[in-house]
C-alpha atoms as a PDB file:
ATOM      1  CA  MET A   1     -90.525 -78.938  41.632  1.00  0.00           C
ATOM      2  CA  GLN A   2     -93.300 -81.459  42.067  1.00  0.00           C
ATOM      3  CA  GLU A   3     -96.913 -80.540  42.709  1.00  0.00           C
ATOM      4  CA  ALA A   4     -97.497 -79.216  46.249  1.00  0.00           C
ATOM      5  CA  GLY A   5     -93.738 -78.681  46.535  1.00  0.00           C
ATOM      6  CA  TYR A   6     -94.281 -74.996  47.183  1.00  0.00           C
ATOM      7  CA  TYR A   7     -96.597 -75.786  50.068  1.00  0.00           C
ATOM      8  CA  GLU A   8     -94.105 -78.271  51.503  1.00  0.00           C
ATOM      9  CA  LEU A   9     -91.258 -75.793  51.125  1.00  0.00           C
ATOM     10  CA  LEU A  10     -93.167 -73.197  53.115  1.00  0.00           C
ATOM     11  CA  GLY A  11     -94.520 -75.793  55.563  1.00  0.00           C
ATOM     12  CA  VAL A  12     -98.199 -74.889  55.099  1.00  0.00           C
ATOM     13  CA  ASP A  13    -101.344 -76.778  54.083  1.00  0.00           C
ATOM     14  CA  ARG A  14    -102.915 -76.375  50.671  1.00  0.00           C
ATOM     15  CA  THR A  15    -105.808 -74.583  52.401  1.00  0.00           C
ATOM     16  CA  ALA A  16    -103.527 -72.037  54.106  1.00  0.00           C
ATOM     17  CA  SER A  17    -104.648 -68.421  53.996  1.00  0.00           C
ATOM     18  CA  THR A  18    -102.532 -65.656  52.487  1.00  0.00           C
ATOM     19  CA  ALA A  19    -101.689 -64.431  55.996  1.00  0.00           C
ATOM     20  CA  GLU A  20    -100.515 -67.921  57.022  1.00  0.00           C
ATOM     21  CA  ILE A  21     -98.390 -68.176  53.877  1.00  0.00           C
ATOM     22  CA  LYS A  22     -96.807 -64.784  54.543  1.00  0.00           C
ATOM     23  CA  SER A  23     -96.086 -65.694  58.180  1.00  0.00           C
ATOM     24  CA  ALA A  24     -94.512 -69.017  57.191  1.00  0.00           C
ATOM     25  CA  TYR A  25     -92.412 -67.361  54.505  1.00  0.00           C
ATOM     26  CA  ARG A  26     -91.104 -64.690  56.846  1.00  0.00           C
ATOM     27  CA  SER A  27     -90.207 -67.246  59.493  1.00  0.00           C
ATOM     28  CA  LYS A  28     -88.201 -69.342  57.033  1.00  0.00           C
ATOM     29  CA  ALA A  29     -86.724 -66.365  55.180  1.00  0.00           C
ATOM     30  CA  ARG A  30     -84.896 -65.143  58.276  1.00  0.00           C
ATOM     31  CA  ALA A  31     -82.958 -68.407  58.538  1.00  0.00           C
ATOM     32  CA  SER A  32     -82.397 -69.080  54.847  1.00  0.00           C
ATOM     33  CA  HIS A  33     -81.471 -65.563  53.725  1.00  0.00           C
ATOM     34  CA  PRO A  34     -77.899 -65.424  52.320  1.00  0.00           C
ATOM     35  CA  ASP A  35     -77.036 -62.586  54.730  1.00  0.00           C
ATOM     36  CA  ALA A  36     -77.839 -64.975  57.583  1.00  0.00           C
ATOM     37  CA  GLY A  37     -75.659 -67.759  56.165  1.00  0.00           C
ATOM     38  CA  GLY A  38     -78.351 -69.498  54.145  1.00  0.00           C
ATOM     39  CA  SER A  39     -78.100 -70.934  50.666  1.00  0.00           C
ATOM     40  CA  PRO A  40     -78.858 -68.475  47.819  1.00  0.00           C
ATOM     41  CA  ALA A  41     -80.474 -71.302  45.810  1.00  0.00           C
ATOM     42  CA  GLU A  42     -82.688 -72.330  48.735  1.00  0.00           C
ATOM     43  CA  PHE A  43     -83.695 -68.742  49.397  1.00  0.00           C
ATOM     44  CA  HIS A  44     -84.537 -68.251  45.704  1.00  0.00           C
ATOM     45  CA  GLN A  45     -86.803 -71.316  45.802  1.00  0.00           C
ATOM     46  CA  LEU A  46     -88.438 -70.083  48.982  1.00  0.00           C
ATOM     47  CA  ARG A  47     -89.039 -66.677  47.445  1.00  0.00           C
ATOM     48  CA  GLN A  48     -90.456 -68.240  44.279  1.00  0.00           C
ATOM     49  CA  ALA A  49     -92.845 -70.374  46.342  1.00  0.00           C
ATOM     50  CA  TYR A  50     -94.038 -67.345  48.289  1.00  0.00           C
ATOM     51  CA  GLU A  51     -94.517 -65.139  45.224  1.00  0.00           C
ATOM     52  CA  THR A  52     -96.559 -67.872  43.576  1.00  0.00           C
ATOM     53  CA  LEU A  53     -98.788 -68.817  46.507  1.00  0.00           C
ATOM     54  CA  SER A  54     -99.374 -65.253  47.717  1.00  0.00           C
ATOM     55  CA  ASP A  55    -100.841 -64.218  44.345  1.00  0.00           C
ATOM     56  CA  PRO A  56    -104.389 -65.628  43.872  1.00  0.00           C
ATOM     57  CA  ASP A  57    -104.111 -66.060  40.089  1.00  0.00           C
ATOM     58  CA  ARG A  58    -100.661 -67.642  40.144  1.00  0.00           C
ATOM     59  CA  ARG A  59    -101.703 -69.884  43.029  1.00  0.00           C
ATOM     60  CA  ALA A  60    -104.781 -71.036  41.124  1.00  0.00           C
ATOM     61  CA  ASP A  61    -102.623 -71.890  38.096  1.00  0.00           C
ATOM     62  CA  TYR A  62    -100.185 -73.749  40.326  1.00  0.00           C
ATOM     63  CA  ASP A  63    -102.969 -75.741  42.009  1.00  0.00           C
ATOM     64  CA  ARG A  64    -104.298 -76.721  38.586  1.00  0.00           C
ATOM     65  CA  GLY A  65    -100.856 -77.991  37.631  1.00  0.00           C
ATOM     66  CA  LEU A  66    -100.091 -75.162  35.220  1.00  0.00           C
ATOM     67  CA  THR A  67     -96.677 -73.537  35.044  1.00  0.00           C
ATOM     68  CA  PRO A  68     -96.797 -70.225  36.937  1.00  0.00           C
ATOM     69  CA  LEU A  69     -95.874 -67.122  34.994  1.00  0.00           C
ATOM     70  CA  PRO A  70     -92.281 -66.016  35.497  1.00  0.00           C
ATOM     71  CA  VAL A  71     -91.884 -63.578  38.341  1.00  0.00           C
ATOM     72  CA  ARG A  72     -90.376 -60.937  36.085  1.00  0.00           C
ATOM     73  CA  THR A  73     -93.659 -60.540  34.150  1.00  0.00           C
ATOM     74  CA  TRP A  74     -95.606 -59.242  37.144  1.00  0.00           C
ATOM     75  CA  ARG A  75     -93.112 -57.439  39.315  1.00  0.00           C
ATOM     76  CA  ARG A  76     -93.307 -53.697  39.330  1.00  0.00           C
ATOM     77  CA  PRO A  77     -90.225 -51.861  38.031  1.00  0.00           C
ATOM     78  CA  ARG A  78     -87.596 -51.371  40.714  1.00  0.00           C
ATOM     79  CA  GLN A  79     -85.950 -48.079  41.478  1.00  0.00           C
ATOM     80  CA  PHE A  80     -82.456 -48.014  42.876  1.00  0.00           C
ATOM     81  CA  GLY A  81     -80.869 -45.559  45.237  1.00  0.00           C
ATOM     82  CA  GLU A  82     -82.062 -42.415  46.927  1.00  0.00           C
ATOM     83  CA  ASP A  83     -82.506 -39.116  45.145  1.00  0.00           C
ATOM     84  CA  PRO A  84     -80.330 -36.516  46.951  1.00  0.00           C
ATOM     85  CA  SER A  85     -82.392 -33.664  45.531  1.00  0.00           C
ATOM     86  CA  PHE A  86     -85.734 -35.114  46.625  1.00  0.00           C
ATOM     87  CA  VAL A  87     -87.471 -33.959  49.822  1.00  0.00           C
ATOM     88  CA  ALA A  88     -90.932 -35.220  50.725  1.00  0.00           C
ATOM     89  CA  THR A  89     -93.599 -32.761  51.778  1.00  0.00           C
ATOM     90  CA  MET A  90     -95.733 -32.958  54.879  1.00  0.00           C
ATOM     91  CA  PRO A  91     -99.306 -34.015  54.114  1.00  0.00           C
ATOM     92  CA  ARG A  92    -102.145 -31.590  54.743  1.00  0.00           C
ATOM     93  CA  LEU A  93    -104.934 -33.364  56.568  1.00  0.00           C
ATOM     94  CA  ASP A  94    -108.522 -32.226  56.924  1.00  0.00           C
ATOM     95  CA  PRO A  95    -109.041 -31.946  60.683  1.00  0.00           C
ATOM     96  CA  GLU A  96    -112.705 -32.837  60.289  1.00  0.00           C
ATOM     97  CA  SER A  97    -111.628 -36.230  58.934  1.00  0.00           C
ATOM     98  CA  LEU A  98    -109.905 -37.068  62.241  1.00  0.00           C
ATOM     99  CA  PRO A  99    -112.355 -38.771  64.652  1.00  0.00           C
ATOM    100  CA  TRP A 100    -110.474 -37.502  67.694  1.00  0.00           C
ATOM    101  CA  TRP A 101    -110.043 -33.865  66.621  1.00  0.00           C
ATOM    102  CA  HIS A 102    -112.823 -32.273  68.683  1.00  0.00           C
ATOM    103  CA  ARG A 103    -111.715 -33.998  71.848  1.00  0.00           C
ATOM    104  CA  GLY A 104    -108.928 -31.442  71.846  1.00  0.00           C
ATOM    105  CA  GLU A 105    -111.384 -28.733  72.854  1.00  0.00           C
ATOM    106  CA  GLU A 106    -111.262 -29.922  76.467  1.00  0.00           C
ATOM    107  CA  CYS A 107    -109.036 -28.072  78.929  1.00  0.00           C
ATOM    108  CA  ALA A 108    -105.955 -29.726  80.427  1.00  0.00           C
ATOM    109  CA  CYS A 109    -104.572 -29.150  83.907  1.00  0.00           C
ATOM    110  CA  PRO A 110    -101.918 -30.753  86.132  1.00  0.00           C
ATOM    111  CA  ALA A 111    -102.976 -34.021  87.706  1.00  0.00           C
ATOM    112  CA  SER A 112    -104.730 -33.480  91.028  1.00  0.00           C
ATOM    113  CA  PRO A 113    -103.202 -35.160  94.095  1.00  0.00           C
ATOM    114  CA  GLN A 114    -106.729 -36.230  95.028  1.00  0.00           C
ATOM    115  CA  ARG A 115    -107.593 -39.792  94.046  1.00  0.00           C
ATOM    116  CA  PRO A 116    -110.386 -40.379  91.490  1.00  0.00           C
ATOM    117  CA  GLY A 117    -113.793 -40.874  93.073  1.00  0.00           C
ATOM    118  CA  HIS A 118    -113.400 -38.309  95.857  1.00  0.00           C
ATOM    119  CA  ALA A 119    -115.156 -35.509  93.981  1.00  0.00           C
ATOM    120  CA  PRO A 120    -118.430 -37.432  93.389  1.00  0.00           C
ATOM    121  CA  ALA A 121    -118.398 -38.570  97.012  1.00  0.00           C
ATOM    122  CA  ALA A 122    -117.878 -34.977  98.194  1.00  0.00           C
ATOM    123  CA  ILE A 123    -120.774 -33.759  96.033  1.00  0.00           C
ATOM    124  CA  LEU A 124    -123.065 -36.460  97.463  1.00  0.00           C
ATOM    125  CA  LEU A 125    -122.027 -35.596 101.013  1.00  0.00           C
ATOM    126  CA  ALA A 126    -122.600 -31.888 100.402  1.00  0.00           C
ATOM    127  CA  TRP A 127    -126.075 -32.628  98.994  1.00  0.00           C
ATOM    128  CA  LEU A 128    -126.981 -34.655 102.074  1.00  0.00           C
ATOM    129  CA  LEU A 129    -125.710 -31.930 104.379  1.00  0.00           C
ATOM    130  CA  LEU A 130    -127.187 -28.958 102.616  1.00  0.00           C
ATOM    131  CA  VAL A 131    -130.534 -30.381 101.468  1.00  0.00           C
ATOM    132  CA  VAL A 132    -131.608 -33.545 103.272  1.00  0.00           C
ATOM    133  CA  LEU A 133    -130.563 -32.812 106.846  1.00  0.00           C
ATOM    134  CA  PRO A 134    -132.114 -29.325 107.047  1.00  0.00           C
ATOM    135  CA  LEU A 135    -135.455 -30.826 106.104  1.00  0.00           C
ATOM    136  CA  MET A 136    -135.173 -33.150 109.114  1.00  0.00           C
ATOM    137  CA  ALA A 137    -133.626 -30.571 111.409  1.00  0.00           C
ATOM    138  CA  GLY A 138    -134.426 -29.914 115.000  1.00  0.00           C
ATOM    139  CA  TRP A 139    -132.017 -27.744 117.015  1.00  0.00           C
ATOM    140  CA  LEU A 140    -129.662 -30.677 117.637  1.00  0.00           C
ATOM    141  CA  LEU A 141    -129.653 -31.803 114.049  1.00  0.00           C
ATOM    142  CA  PHE A 142    -129.252 -28.212 112.892  1.00  0.00           C
ATOM    143  CA  THR A 143    -126.149 -27.860 115.079  1.00  0.00           C
ATOM    144  CA  ILE A 144    -124.703 -31.095 113.728  1.00  0.00           C
ATOM    145  CA  TRP A 145    -125.512 -29.974 110.208  1.00  0.00           C
ATOM    146  CA  LEU A 146    -123.831 -26.616 110.744  1.00  0.00           C
ATOM    147  CA  LEU A 147    -120.638 -28.234 112.070  1.00  0.00           C
ATOM    148  CA  LEU A 148    -120.501 -30.727 109.216  1.00  0.00           C
ATOM    149  CA  ALA A 149    -121.255 -28.062 106.604  1.00  0.00           C
ATOM    150  CA  THR A 150    -118.441 -25.954 108.016  1.00  0.00           C
ATOM    151  CA  ALA A 151    -116.054 -28.909 107.804  1.00  0.00           C
ATOM    152  CA  VAL A 152    -117.029 -29.558 104.188  1.00  0.00           C
ATOM    153  CA  ALA A 153    -116.587 -25.890 103.319  1.00  0.00           C
ATOM    154  CA  ILE A 154    -113.117 -25.869 104.891  1.00  0.00           C
ATOM    155  CA  TRP A 155    -112.186 -29.024 102.970  1.00  0.00           C
ATOM    156  CA  LEU A 156    -113.383 -27.531  99.677  1.00  0.00           C
ATOM    157  CA  VAL A 157    -111.449 -24.316 100.280  1.00  0.00           C
ATOM    158  CA  ARG A 158    -108.270 -26.236 101.124  1.00  0.00           C
ATOM    159  CA  ARG A 159    -108.664 -28.386  98.027  1.00  0.00           C
ATOM    160  CA  HIS A 160    -109.106 -25.289  95.867  1.00  0.00           C
ATOM    161  CA  LEU A 161    -106.016 -23.680  97.376  1.00  0.00           C
ATOM    162  CA  ALA A 162    -103.997 -26.895  96.878  1.00  0.00           C
ATOM    163  CA  LEU A 163    -105.000 -27.066  93.216  1.00  0.00           C
ATOM    164  CA  ASN A 164    -104.067 -23.420  92.682  1.00  0.00           C
ATOM    165  CA  GLN A 165    -100.742 -24.019  94.356  1.00  0.00           C
ATOM    166  CA  ALA A 166    -100.120 -27.078  92.138  1.00  0.00           C
ATOM    167  CA  ARG A 167    -100.902 -24.996  89.048  1.00  0.00           C
ATOM    168  CA  ARG A 168     -98.496 -22.247  90.163  1.00  0.00           C
ATOM    169  CA  ARG A 169     -95.715 -24.801  90.766  1.00  0.00           C
ATOM    170  CA  PHE A 170     -96.408 -26.362  87.364  1.00  0.00           C
ATOM    171  CA  THR A 171     -96.240 -22.970  85.641  1.00  0.00           C
ATOM    172  CA  ALA A 172     -93.034 -22.061  87.469  1.00  0.00           C
ATOM    173  CA  GLU A 173     -91.361 -25.337  86.412  1.00  0.00           C
ATOM    174  CA  PHE A 174     -92.622 -25.757  82.849  1.00  0.00           C
ATOM    175  CA  GLY A 175     -94.140 -22.411  81.901  1.00  0.00           C
ATOM    176  CA  GLY A 176     -96.201 -22.582  78.734  1.00  0.00           C
ATOM    177  CA  THR A 177     -93.692 -24.855  76.982  1.00  0.00           C
ATOM    178  CA  ARG A 178     -95.256 -27.754  75.104  1.00  0.00           C
ATOM    179  CA  VAL A 179     -92.305 -28.717  72.902  1.00  0.00           C
ATOM    180  CA  PHE A 180     -88.929 -29.671  74.388  1.00  0.00           C
ATOM    181  CA  GLY A 181     -85.718 -30.129  72.412  1.00  0.00           C
ATOM    182  CA  ARG A 182     -85.110 -29.653  68.683  1.00  0.00           C
ATOM    183  CA  PRO A 183     -85.191 -32.009  65.701  1.00  0.00           C
ATOM    184  CA  GLY A 184     -81.980 -32.788  63.829  1.00  0.00           C
ATOM    185  CA  ALA A 185     -80.585 -29.876  61.811  1.00  0.00           C
ATOM    186  CA  ASP A 186     -78.285 -31.789  59.415  1.00  0.00           C
ATOM    187  CA  ALA A 187     -79.112 -31.919  55.714  1.00  0.00           C
ATOM    188  CA  ASP A 188     -79.972 -35.626  55.840  1.00  0.00           C
ATOM    189  CA  GLN A 189     -82.300 -35.194  58.846  1.00  0.00           C
ATOM    190  CA  TRP A 190     -85.106 -33.529  56.935  1.00  0.00           C
ATOM    191  CA  GLY A 191     -87.429 -36.374  57.927  1.00  0.00           C
ATOM    192  CA  GLU A 192     -87.088 -35.364  61.579  1.00  0.00           C
ATOM    193  CA  ARG A 193     -87.965 -31.787  60.734  1.00  0.00           C
ATOM    194  CA  LEU A 194     -91.039 -32.896  58.815  1.00  0.00           C
ATOM    195  CA  THR A 195     -92.167 -34.997  61.780  1.00  0.00           C
ATOM    196  CA  ALA A 196     -91.578 -32.083  64.163  1.00  0.00           C
ATOM    197  CA  GLU A 197     -93.894 -29.947  62.032  1.00  0.00           C
ATOM    198  CA  LEU A 198     -96.434 -32.787  61.855  1.00  0.00           C
ATOM    199  CA  LEU A 199     -96.524 -33.190  65.639  1.00  0.00           C
ATOM    200  CA  GLN A 200     -96.728 -29.440  66.218  1.00  0.00           C
ATOM    201  CA  ARG A 201     -99.531 -28.905  63.720  1.00  0.00           C
ATOM    202  CA  TYR A 202    -101.834 -31.754  64.672  1.00  0.00           C
ATOM    203  CA  LEU A 203    -101.089 -33.378  68.034  1.00  0.00           C
ATOM    204  CA  THR A 204    -100.806 -30.138  70.017  1.00  0.00           C
ATOM    205  CA  ARG A 205    -104.548 -29.931  69.418  1.00  0.00           C
ATOM    206  CA  LEU A 206    -104.771 -32.178  72.491  1.00  0.00           C
ATOM    207  CA  PRO A 207    -104.226 -29.880  75.495  1.00  0.00           C
ATOM    208  CA  SER A 208    -102.384 -32.490  77.579  1.00  0.00           C
ATOM    209  CA  VAL A 209     -99.867 -33.361  74.840  1.00  0.00           C
ATOM    210  CA  ARG A 210     -96.181 -32.563  75.311  1.00  0.00           C
ATOM    211  CA  ILE A 211     -93.688 -33.152  72.484  1.00  0.00           C
ATOM    212  CA  PHE A 212     -90.001 -34.024  72.787  1.00  0.00           C
ATOM    213  CA  HIS A 213     -87.205 -34.137  70.197  1.00  0.00           C
ATOM    214  CA  GLY A 214     -83.869 -35.891  70.612  1.00  0.00           C
ATOM    215  CA  LEU A 215     -84.243 -38.187  73.627  1.00  0.00           C
ATOM    216  CA  ALA A 216     -81.664 -40.491  75.151  1.00  0.00           C
ATOM    217  CA  ARG A 217     -82.431 -43.969  76.328  1.00  0.00           C
ATOM    218  CA  PRO A 218     -81.976 -44.307  80.104  1.00  0.00           C
ATOM    219  CA  GLY A 219     -78.240 -44.529  80.801  1.00  0.00           C
ATOM    220  CA  SER A 220     -77.252 -43.006  77.441  1.00  0.00           C
ATOM    221  CA  VAL A 221     -76.018 -39.502  76.600  1.00  0.00           C
ATOM    222  CA  PHE A 222     -76.891 -39.657  72.900  1.00  0.00           C
ATOM    223  CA  ALA A 223     -80.105 -38.751  71.076  1.00  0.00           C
ATOM    224  CA  ASP A 224     -81.180 -42.366  70.518  1.00  0.00           C
ATOM    225  CA  ILE A 225     -84.853 -41.533  69.895  1.00  0.00           C
ATOM    226  CA  ASP A 226     -85.947 -38.929  67.370  1.00  0.00           C
ATOM    227  CA  HIS A 227     -89.210 -37.858  69.020  1.00  0.00           C
ATOM    228  CA  ALA A 228     -91.663 -38.674  71.783  1.00  0.00           C
ATOM    229  CA  VAL A 229     -95.242 -37.621  72.481  1.00  0.00           C
ATOM    230  CA  LEU A 230     -96.671 -37.707  76.006  1.00  0.00           C
ATOM    231  CA  ALA A 231    -100.336 -37.359  76.975  1.00  0.00           C
ATOM    232  CA  GLY A 232    -101.242 -38.198  80.563  1.00  0.00           C
ATOM    233  CA  ARG A 233     -99.621 -41.572  81.188  1.00  0.00           C
ATOM    234  CA  ARG A 234     -99.431 -42.569  77.516  1.00  0.00           C
ATOM    235  CA  LEU A 235     -96.112 -42.190  75.709  1.00  0.00           C
ATOM    236  CA  VAL A 236     -95.262 -42.733  72.029  1.00  0.00           C
ATOM    237  CA  LEU A 237     -91.622 -43.098  70.951  1.00  0.00           C
ATOM    238  CA  VAL A 238     -91.104 -42.110  67.324  1.00  0.00           C
ATOM    239  CA  GLU A 239     -88.397 -42.547  64.702  1.00  0.00           C
ATOM    240  CA  SER A 240     -88.412 -40.613  61.414  1.00  0.00           C
ATOM    241  CA  LYS A 241     -87.206 -42.672  58.441  1.00  0.00           C
ATOM    242  CA  THR A 242     -86.455 -41.660  54.832  1.00  0.00           C
ATOM    243  CA  TRP A 243     -86.578 -44.888  52.836  1.00  0.00           C
ATOM    244  CA  LEU A 244     -87.183 -45.925  49.263  1.00  0.00           C
ATOM    245  CA  PRO A 245     -90.803 -46.124  48.083  1.00  0.00           C
ATOM    246  CA  GLY A 246     -92.449 -49.467  48.730  1.00  0.00           C
ATOM    247  CA  ASP A 247     -94.735 -51.400  51.054  1.00  0.00           C
ATOM    248  CA  TYR A 248     -93.303 -51.737  54.563  1.00  0.00           C
ATOM    249  CA  GLY A 249     -94.114 -54.094  57.403  1.00  0.00           C
ATOM    250  CA  ALA A 250     -92.579 -55.316  60.638  1.00  0.00           C
ATOM    251  CA  ASP A 251     -92.586 -58.315  62.968  1.00  0.00           C
ATOM    252  CA  GLU A 252     -92.951 -58.480  66.755  1.00  0.00           C
ATOM    253  CA  ASP A 253     -89.160 -58.500  67.219  1.00  0.00           C
ATOM    254  CA  GLY A 254     -88.673 -55.391  65.067  1.00  0.00           C
ATOM    255  CA  THR A 255     -87.608 -57.224  61.888  1.00  0.00           C
ATOM    256  CA  LEU A 256     -88.467 -54.965  58.940  1.00  0.00           C
ATOM    257  CA  TRP A 257     -89.804 -55.977  55.523  1.00  0.00           C
ATOM    258  CA  ARG A 258     -90.105 -54.079  52.255  1.00  0.00           C
ATOM    259  CA  ASP A 259     -92.255 -55.480  49.484  1.00  0.00           C
ATOM    260  CA  ASP A 260     -92.242 -58.799  51.380  1.00  0.00           C
ATOM    261  CA  ARG A 261     -88.458 -58.982  51.371  1.00  0.00           C
ATOM    262  CA  LEU A 262     -86.186 -58.656  54.359  1.00  0.00           C
ATOM    263  CA  PHE A 263     -85.344 -54.968  54.504  1.00  0.00           C
ATOM    264  CA  ARG A 264     -81.608 -54.323  54.672  1.00  0.00           C
ATOM    265  CA  GLY A 265     -81.776 -50.597  54.002  1.00  0.00           C
ATOM    266  CA  GLY A 266     -82.475 -49.548  57.578  1.00  0.00           C
ATOM    267  CA  ALA A 267     -83.201 -50.651  61.126  1.00  0.00           C
ATOM    268  CA  THR A 268     -84.966 -49.476  64.254  1.00  0.00           C
ATOM    269  CA  GLN A 269     -84.019 -49.258  67.935  1.00  0.00           C
ATOM    270  CA  LEU A 270     -87.589 -48.774  69.108  1.00  0.00           C
ATOM    271  CA  PRO A 271     -88.239 -52.252  70.618  1.00  0.00           C
ATOM    272  CA  GLU A 272     -85.193 -51.871  72.904  1.00  0.00           C
ATOM    273  CA  ALA A 273     -86.079 -48.239  73.656  1.00  0.00           C
ATOM    274  CA  ILE A 274     -89.643 -49.179  74.626  1.00  0.00           C
ATOM    275  CA  ASP A 275     -88.335 -51.777  77.094  1.00  0.00           C
ATOM    276  CA  ALA A 276     -85.928 -49.217  78.598  1.00  0.00           C
ATOM    277  CA  TYR A 277     -88.629 -46.580  79.011  1.00  0.00           C
ATOM    278  CA  ARG A 278     -91.005 -49.053  80.619  1.00  0.00           C
ATOM    279  CA  GLU A 279     -88.411 -49.527  83.339  1.00  0.00           C
ATOM    280  CA  LEU A 280     -87.971 -45.763  83.662  1.00  0.00           C
ATOM    281  CA  LEU A 281     -91.722 -45.052  83.775  1.00  0.00           C
ATOM    282  CA  PRO A 282     -93.533 -47.783  85.730  1.00  0.00           C
ATOM    283  CA  GLY A 283     -97.253 -47.756  85.027  1.00  0.00           C
ATOM    284  CA  ALA A 284     -96.950 -45.864  81.745  1.00  0.00           C
ATOM    285  CA  GLU A 285     -98.519 -47.142  78.528  1.00  0.00           C
ATOM    286  CA  ILE A 286     -95.791 -47.003  75.882  1.00  0.00           C
ATOM    287  CA  ARG A 287     -95.802 -47.785  72.184  1.00  0.00           C
ATOM    288  CA  GLY A 288     -93.623 -46.953  69.191  1.00  0.00           C
ATOM    289  CA  ALA A 289     -94.017 -45.798  65.600  1.00  0.00           C
ATOM    290  CA  LEU A 290     -91.788 -45.471  62.534  1.00  0.00           C
ATOM    291  CA  ILE A 291     -92.913 -42.544  60.386  1.00  0.00           C
ATOM    292  CA  VAL A 292     -91.640 -43.331  56.889  1.00  0.00           C
ATOM    293  CA  TYR A 293     -91.096 -40.737  54.138  1.00  0.00           C
ATOM    294  CA  PRO A 294     -90.083 -41.633  50.562  1.00  0.00           C
ATOM    295  CA  SER A 295     -86.450 -40.806  49.766  1.00  0.00           C
ATOM    296  CA  ARG A 296     -87.295 -40.406  46.079  1.00  0.00           C
ATOM    297  CA  ALA A 297     -90.415 -39.953  43.989  1.00  0.00           C
ATOM    298  CA  GLY A 298     -92.853 -42.757  44.737  1.00  0.00           C
ATOM    299  CA  GLN A 299     -95.393 -43.954  47.274  1.00  0.00           C
ATOM    300  CA  ILE A 300     -94.949 -45.371  50.767  1.00  0.00           C
ATOM    301  CA  THR A 301     -97.548 -47.890  51.941  1.00  0.00           C
ATOM    302  CA  THR A 302     -97.640 -50.091  55.037  1.00  0.00           C
ATOM    303  CA  GLU A 303     -99.252 -53.328  56.123  1.00  0.00           C
ATOM    304  CA  GLY A 304    -101.341 -51.423  58.671  1.00  0.00           C
ATOM    305  CA  ASP A 305    -100.647 -53.681  61.665  1.00  0.00           C
ATOM    306  CA  PHE A 306    -100.265 -50.955  64.298  1.00  0.00           C
ATOM    307  CA  ASP A 307    -100.301 -53.230  67.362  1.00  0.00           C
ATOM    308  CA  LEU A 308     -96.637 -54.135  66.805  1.00  0.00           C
ATOM    309  CA  PRO A 309     -93.895 -52.576  68.988  1.00  0.00           C
ATOM    310  CA  ALA A 310     -92.495 -50.547  66.062  1.00  0.00           C
ATOM    311  CA  PRO A 311     -94.932 -50.475  63.133  1.00  0.00           C
ATOM    312  CA  PRO A 312     -94.064 -48.476  60.003  1.00  0.00           C
ATOM    313  CA  MET A 313     -96.636 -45.726  59.393  1.00  0.00           C
ATOM    314  CA  THR A 314     -97.232 -43.029  56.850  1.00  0.00           C
ATOM    315  CA  PRO A 315     -97.614 -39.524  58.336  1.00  0.00           C
ATOM    316  CA  GLU A 316    -101.370 -39.691  57.706  1.00  0.00           C
ATOM    317  CA  GLN A 317    -101.661 -43.049  59.483  1.00  0.00           C
ATOM    318  CA  PHE A 318     -99.651 -41.738  62.416  1.00  0.00           C
ATOM    319  CA  VAL A 319    -101.859 -38.690  62.959  1.00  0.00           C
ATOM    320  CA  THR A 320    -105.052 -40.761  62.731  1.00  0.00           C
ATOM    321  CA  GLU A 321    -103.954 -43.805  64.768  1.00  0.00           C
ATOM    322  CA  ILE A 322    -101.707 -42.215  67.398  1.00  0.00           C
ATOM    323  CA  GLY A 323    -103.826 -39.088  67.747  1.00  0.00           C
ATOM    324  CA  GLY A 324    -106.873 -41.234  68.506  1.00  0.00           C
ATOM    325  CA  TRP A 325    -104.931 -43.350  71.000  1.00  0.00           C
ATOM    326  CA  LEU A 326    -103.656 -40.300  72.883  1.00  0.00           C
ATOM    327  CA  ALA A 327    -107.039 -38.560  72.802  1.00  0.00           C
ATOM    328  CA  ALA A 328    -108.614 -41.511  74.640  1.00  0.00           C
ATOM    329  CA  GLN A 329    -106.768 -40.412  77.804  1.00  0.00           C
ATOM    330  CA  PRO A 330    -108.286 -37.732  80.074  1.00  0.00           C
ATOM    331  CA  SER A 331    -106.812 -34.292  79.375  1.00  0.00           C
ATOM    332  CA  ILE A 332    -104.550 -34.350  82.420  1.00  0.00           C
ATOM    333  CA  VAL A 333    -100.839 -33.547  82.493  1.00  0.00           C
ATOM    334  CA  ASP A 334     -99.033 -36.092  84.662  1.00  0.00           C
ATOM    335  CA  VAL A 335     -96.376 -33.840  86.184  1.00  0.00           C
ATOM    336  CA  GLU A 336     -94.021 -36.579  87.379  1.00  0.00           C
ATOM    337  CA  MET A 337     -94.198 -38.364  84.018  1.00  0.00           C
ATOM    338  CA  LEU A 338     -93.526 -35.084  82.197  1.00  0.00           C
ATOM    339  CA  ARG A 339     -90.571 -34.340  84.457  1.00  0.00           C
ATOM    340  CA  ARG A 340     -88.958 -37.736  83.818  1.00  0.00           C
ATOM    341  CA  VAL A 341     -89.388 -37.671  80.056  1.00  0.00           C
ATOM    342  CA  ARG A 342     -88.112 -34.093  79.824  1.00  0.00           C
ATOM    343  CA  GLY A 343     -85.038 -35.218  81.742  1.00  0.00           C
ATOM    344  CA  GLN A 344     -84.153 -37.548  78.849  1.00  0.00           C
ATOM    345  CA  VAL A 345     -83.990 -34.751  76.256  1.00  0.00           C
ATOM    346  CA  VAL A 346     -80.406 -34.354  75.063  1.00  0.00           C
END
């Protein structure tokens, strides 16, 4: 291959950043991969170009016109196949290391039917009635003040009774239940059970959080989604994955990568599930997460781009990132949202 051939093959400039090179490689790899009908020789060249230009030392040698070292001299040893006897363990996190942890000390209650902004207005009105007007009072003003103060008192009592009634209805419908459904019980579903323990141990710290296991997509009768976490009007759909050790990433369309190669060892339904739940729950903020556990001895790492529809995450990343996102909501249980999501539990 002639000088700058690698850049031409990837369609990038010689000044392209590592991120631009990776993006260009992934775009071309989808079309040229042998599984997609591409040429094995072309894909091998594309892969060789990427592995050279994405490594600073090999790229520098290439730019100087030196022959890059063979790929086999710098690849890490590959491990093949899952280990049936291996089961990952749930990480133990220090709560004090979680920036959102102490937000969980607030108290949650069912969402009030009163619109935001009414309470401050009522307090201001009460202050005017109870403090300012009496200072200006003659008999006429005192009578007006008394009538208005009575009206405010009646309104406050009715509001208090309505809130108590809403709490009683909430308790009658949901009781003290915070976890709905059960994770998979089959031998190969140990990842789901680990995630269930993870959610129970850490995310129930937030008083408004409700956890769900085994949800169907709208219109389905099967458990299409492993888990979901609801806090206020924020919902996270979660899949538990047990995959080989490696570095995982994803694209906007849900395409998965392992060690910068197209990942053929698994898939996700989260992008489609997120779209379906957005139709079911208008106004909700919804995102997804793939919690990945190693299926044999070794380490799982991720690219750390958590703004994607279905980003791979380690358990530690999930607790930190998703816990912080959910904690940013007020500690209010949205009853209608809770009712709809619970209705999807299989």
